[in-house]
Amino acid sequence: MLIFLDFDDVIFNTKKFREDLFGIFSAYGISREEYENSYYDPNDQSPVKMHSIGDQIQRLQKNNFFDEKYLRKDLENFFTKNTSHYVFADVFDFAASHKNDEMRVLTFGNKVFQEKKIINSKIQEHIANVIITDKNKAKALENELKKMNNLSEEKIFFLDDRTEQLRNVKQGFPDIITIFIKRPEGRFQEMVKDEYCDFEAHNLDEAQEIIKNIV
């Protein structure tokens, strides 16, 4: 059995992380509205947008005066400290239940930013293999399966909180079992299960029950 899990909002409480990140910006006079409006490139029309701290700082500098050197230092301290407390508690039991299975974290985002979050979350002590992509997740998954030489009859599960990602994977790999993870703590409550989501779960305990019933 192969299991691919998204990182943000599935393994990691990104909503809380992003809130704490705002706390650093607010100490430099950045308002909530300015922080939210600058988080992504306003010209980016992609369905799944990518965040870059460096680009966000540049956008904020257009209308704000702050000491960039000290802001970056505070951000670096934030990114390099232990962030394991943002990992959802049910992740550990889920990982332990599948210690004999092939598991991968498959996450989308800025590679430098994501790598820092993942390393400092300590999740690789429980799920060693991590794939970070700034492209289509379906393509990254295809590349990983080719490397593993595993496109056989093995059951493959893909867990994500974004319906766009689930759609791309299901369209590319109809036999992969997709589980839409909609945690109450997640950022995208407006998203609803569609025909590309085989199942919906509100946490990894529920996802584990779905997997058990299938295998």
Protein backbone atom coordinates (compact mmCIF):
# COMPACT_ATOMS: atom_id res chain seq x y z
CA MET A 1 0.00 0.00 0.00
CA LEU A 2 1.15 3.52 -0.86
CA ILE A 3 -0.09 6.61 0.94
CA PHE A 4 0.58 10.19 -0.16
CA LEU A 5 -0.34 12.93 2.33
CA ASP A 6 -0.44 16.66 1.89
CA PHE A 7 1.42 18.69 4.53
CA ASP A 8 -0.43 21.99 5.04
CA ASP A 9 -3.80 21.60 6.81
CA VAL A 10 -3.54 17.79 6.71
CA ILE A 11 -0.43 17.17 8.81
CA PHE A 12 0.38 20.72 9.87
CA ASN A 13 -1.87 23.37 11.42
CA THR A 14 -1.03 25.99 8.83
CA LYS A 15 -3.85 28.29 9.91
CA LYS A 16 -2.29 28.60 13.39
CA PHE A 17 1.21 28.87 11.90
CA ARG A 18 0.09 31.67 9.58
CA GLU A 19 -1.59 33.47 12.48
CA ASP A 20 1.65 33.36 14.49
CA LEU A 21 3.54 34.56 11.43
CA PHE A 22 1.23 37.57 11.30
CA GLY A 23 2.21 38.32 14.90
CA ILE A 24 5.76 38.98 13.73
CA PHE A 25 4.66 41.29 10.92
CA SER A 26 2.25 43.15 13.21
CA ALA A 27 5.14 44.02 15.54
CA TYR A 28 6.51 46.06 12.61
CA GLY A 29 3.30 48.02 12.13
CA ILE A 30 1.73 45.82 9.45
CA SER A 31 -2.05 45.68 9.73
CA ARG A 32 -4.12 42.51 9.35
CA GLU A 33 -5.54 43.75 6.05
CA GLU A 34 -2.09 44.59 4.66
CA TYR A 35 -0.75 41.21 5.76
CA GLU A 36 -3.59 39.27 4.15
CA ASN A 37 -3.60 41.31 0.94
CA SER A 38 0.16 40.90 0.50
CA TYR A 39 0.36 37.18 1.36
CA TYR A 40 0.03 36.11 -2.28
CA ASP A 41 0.91 37.89 -5.50
CA PRO A 42 -2.31 39.77 -6.44
CA ASN A 43 -1.54 39.11 -10.12
CA ASP A 44 -1.31 35.36 -9.63
CA GLN A 45 -4.44 33.78 -11.13
CA SER A 46 -3.44 30.19 -10.35
CA PRO A 47 -6.10 28.12 -8.56
CA VAL A 48 -3.48 27.07 -5.99
CA LYS A 49 -1.22 30.00 -5.14
CA MET A 50 2.30 29.85 -3.76
CA HIS A 51 3.52 31.98 -0.86
CA SER A 52 6.98 33.57 -0.75
CA ILE A 53 8.11 35.51 2.33
CA GLY A 54 10.63 37.50 0.30
CA ASP A 55 8.01 38.55 -2.24
CA GLN A 56 5.55 39.41 0.53
CA ILE A 57 8.09 41.70 2.18
CA GLN A 58 8.70 43.46 -1.14
CA ARG A 59 4.97 44.02 -1.62
CA LEU A 60 4.62 45.42 1.89
CA GLN A 61 7.55 47.82 1.40
CA LYS A 62 5.63 49.69 -1.27
CA ASN A 63 3.29 51.24 1.31
CA ASN A 64 5.07 50.72 4.63
CA PHE A 65 8.30 51.73 6.31
CA PHE A 66 9.95 49.13 8.54
CA ASP A 67 13.43 47.81 9.28
CA GLU A 68 13.70 44.98 6.77
CA LYS A 69 16.92 43.65 8.31
CA TYR A 70 15.38 43.11 11.74
CA LEU A 71 12.11 41.79 10.31
CA ARG A 72 14.00 39.19 8.29
CA LYS A 73 16.03 38.26 11.38
CA ASP A 74 12.85 37.74 13.42
CA LEU A 75 11.33 35.69 10.62
CA GLU A 76 14.45 33.54 10.32
CA ASN A 77 14.35 32.86 14.06
CA PHE A 78 10.69 31.88 13.71
CA PHE A 79 11.34 29.54 10.80
CA THR A 80 14.29 27.79 12.40
CA LYS A 81 12.75 27.02 15.77
CA ASN A 82 10.99 23.75 16.57
CA THR A 83 7.53 23.83 14.99
CA SER A 84 6.44 20.32 15.95
CA HIS A 85 3.64 21.76 18.11
CA TYR A 86 1.83 22.70 14.88
CA VAL A 87 1.60 19.03 13.85
CA PHE A 88 -1.90 17.64 14.44
CA ALA A 89 -1.94 15.05 17.24
CA ASP A 90 -3.60 12.33 15.14
CA VAL A 91 -0.68 12.31 12.69
CA PHE A 92 1.46 10.22 15.03
CA ASP A 93 -1.03 7.36 15.42
CA PHE A 94 -1.72 7.42 11.70
CA ALA A 95 1.98 7.17 10.87
CA ALA A 96 2.48 4.39 13.43
CA SER A 97 -0.42 2.43 11.91
CA HIS A 98 1.33 2.51 8.53
CA LYS A 99 4.94 1.99 9.56
CA ASN A 100 5.09 -1.07 7.30
CA ASP A 101 3.56 0.75 4.34
CA GLU A 102 5.12 3.18 1.90
CA MET A 103 4.23 6.72 2.94
CA ARG A 104 5.17 10.01 1.34
CA VAL A 105 4.46 13.62 2.21
CA LEU A 106 3.59 15.37 -1.06
CA THR A 107 3.38 19.13 -0.60
CA PHE A 108 3.01 22.12 -2.90
CA GLY A 109 4.77 25.41 -2.30
CA ASN A 110 7.93 27.48 -2.37
CA LYS A 111 10.66 24.88 -1.88
CA VAL A 112 12.81 26.91 0.53
CA PHE A 113 9.83 27.98 2.64
CA GLN A 114 8.25 24.50 2.71
CA GLU A 115 11.53 22.77 3.48
CA LYS A 116 12.09 24.94 6.55
CA LYS A 117 8.57 24.28 7.82
CA ILE A 118 8.85 20.54 7.27
CA ILE A 119 12.32 20.07 8.74
CA ASN A 120 11.48 22.02 11.87
CA SER A 121 8.15 20.25 12.29
CA LYS A 122 10.12 17.01 12.91
CA ILE A 123 7.57 15.12 10.81
CA GLN A 124 10.35 13.19 9.08
CA GLU A 125 10.91 11.31 12.32
CA HIS A 126 7.54 9.70 11.55
CA ILE A 127 7.27 9.97 7.74
CA ALA A 128 10.75 9.99 6.31
CA ASN A 129 10.04 10.67 2.65
CA VAL A 130 8.99 14.17 1.61
CA ILE A 131 8.35 15.53 -1.89
CA ILE A 132 8.10 19.30 -2.36
CA THR A 133 6.84 20.57 -5.68
CA ASP A 134 6.01 23.98 -7.08
CA LYS A 135 4.23 22.34 -10.01
CA ASN A 136 1.20 20.14 -10.50
CA LYS A 137 0.97 17.48 -7.76
CA ALA A 138 -0.24 14.90 -10.27
CA LYS A 139 3.00 15.30 -12.21
CA ALA A 140 5.09 15.06 -9.04
CA LEU A 141 3.19 11.93 -8.04
CA GLU A 142 3.73 10.40 -11.47
CA ASN A 143 7.47 11.05 -11.23
CA GLU A 144 7.61 9.49 -7.77
CA LEU A 145 5.73 6.37 -8.85
CA LYS A 146 8.09 5.95 -11.80
CA LYS A 147 11.10 6.21 -9.48
CA MET A 148 9.52 3.60 -7.23
CA ASN A 149 8.76 1.49 -10.30
CA ASN A 150 5.32 0.95 -8.83
CA LEU A 151 2.34 1.37 -11.10
CA SER A 152 1.07 -2.12 -10.35
CA GLU A 153 -1.92 -3.45 -8.44
CA GLU A 154 -0.77 -1.82 -5.19
CA LYS A 155 -3.49 0.21 -3.46
CA ILE A 156 -2.59 3.89 -3.62
CA PHE A 157 -4.21 6.57 -1.46
CA PHE A 158 -3.90 10.33 -1.92
CA LEU A 159 -4.96 12.60 0.96
CA ASP A 160 -5.31 16.35 0.45
CA ASP A 161 -7.38 19.31 1.63
CA ARG A 162 -7.52 21.05 -1.76
CA THR A 163 -10.13 19.86 -4.24
CA GLU A 164 -8.04 21.22 -7.14
CA GLN A 165 -5.18 18.90 -6.22
CA LEU A 166 -7.52 15.95 -5.73
CA ARG A 167 -9.06 16.62 -9.14
CA ASN A 168 -5.70 16.76 -10.90
CA VAL A 169 -4.57 13.50 -9.33
CA LYS A 170 -7.87 11.68 -9.96
CA GLN A 171 -7.95 12.79 -13.58
CA GLY A 172 -4.39 11.58 -14.11
CA PHE A 173 -4.74 8.41 -12.05
CA PRO A 174 -8.37 7.22 -11.90
CA ASP A 175 -7.44 4.14 -9.84
CA ILE A 176 -5.87 6.15 -7.03
CA ILE A 177 -8.19 6.44 -4.03
CA THR A 178 -8.61 10.11 -3.12
CA ILE A 179 -9.58 11.24 0.37
CA PHE A 180 -10.62 14.85 0.88
CA ILE A 181 -9.36 15.95 4.31
CA LYS A 182 -11.54 18.75 5.65
CA ARG A 183 -10.37 19.48 9.17
CA PRO A 184 -12.38 21.96 11.26
CA GLU A 185 -9.04 23.73 11.81
CA GLY A 186 -8.31 23.98 8.08
CA ARG A 187 -8.19 27.19 6.06
CA PHE A 188 -10.47 26.23 3.19
CA GLN A 189 -13.87 25.56 4.73
CA GLU A 190 -15.58 26.80 1.56
CA MET A 191 -14.38 23.74 -0.35
CA VAL A 192 -16.81 20.85 -0.72
CA LYS A 193 -16.40 17.26 -1.80
CA ASP A 194 -16.93 16.66 -5.53
CA GLU A 195 -16.83 13.71 -7.90
CA TYR A 196 -13.02 13.60 -7.82
CA CYS A 197 -13.01 12.95 -4.07
CA ASP A 198 -13.76 9.30 -3.37
CA PHE A 199 -14.15 9.95 0.35
CA GLU A 200 -14.25 12.81 2.83
CA ALA A 201 -12.68 12.75 6.30
CA HIS A 202 -12.43 15.44 8.96
CA ASN A 203 -9.21 14.14 10.51
CA LEU A 204 -6.71 11.33 10.07
CA ASP A 205 -8.58 9.03 12.46
CA GLU A 206 -11.51 9.08 10.06
CA ALA A 207 -9.16 8.65 7.11
CA GLN A 208 -7.63 5.61 8.82
CA GLU A 209 -11.08 4.01 9.17
CA ILE A 210 -11.71 4.56 5.44
CA ILE A 211 -8.39 2.96 4.53
CA LYS A 212 -8.99 0.00 6.86
CA ASN A 213 -12.39 -0.66 5.31
CA ILE A 214 -10.87 -0.68 1.83
CA VAL A 215 -7.83 -2.84 2.45
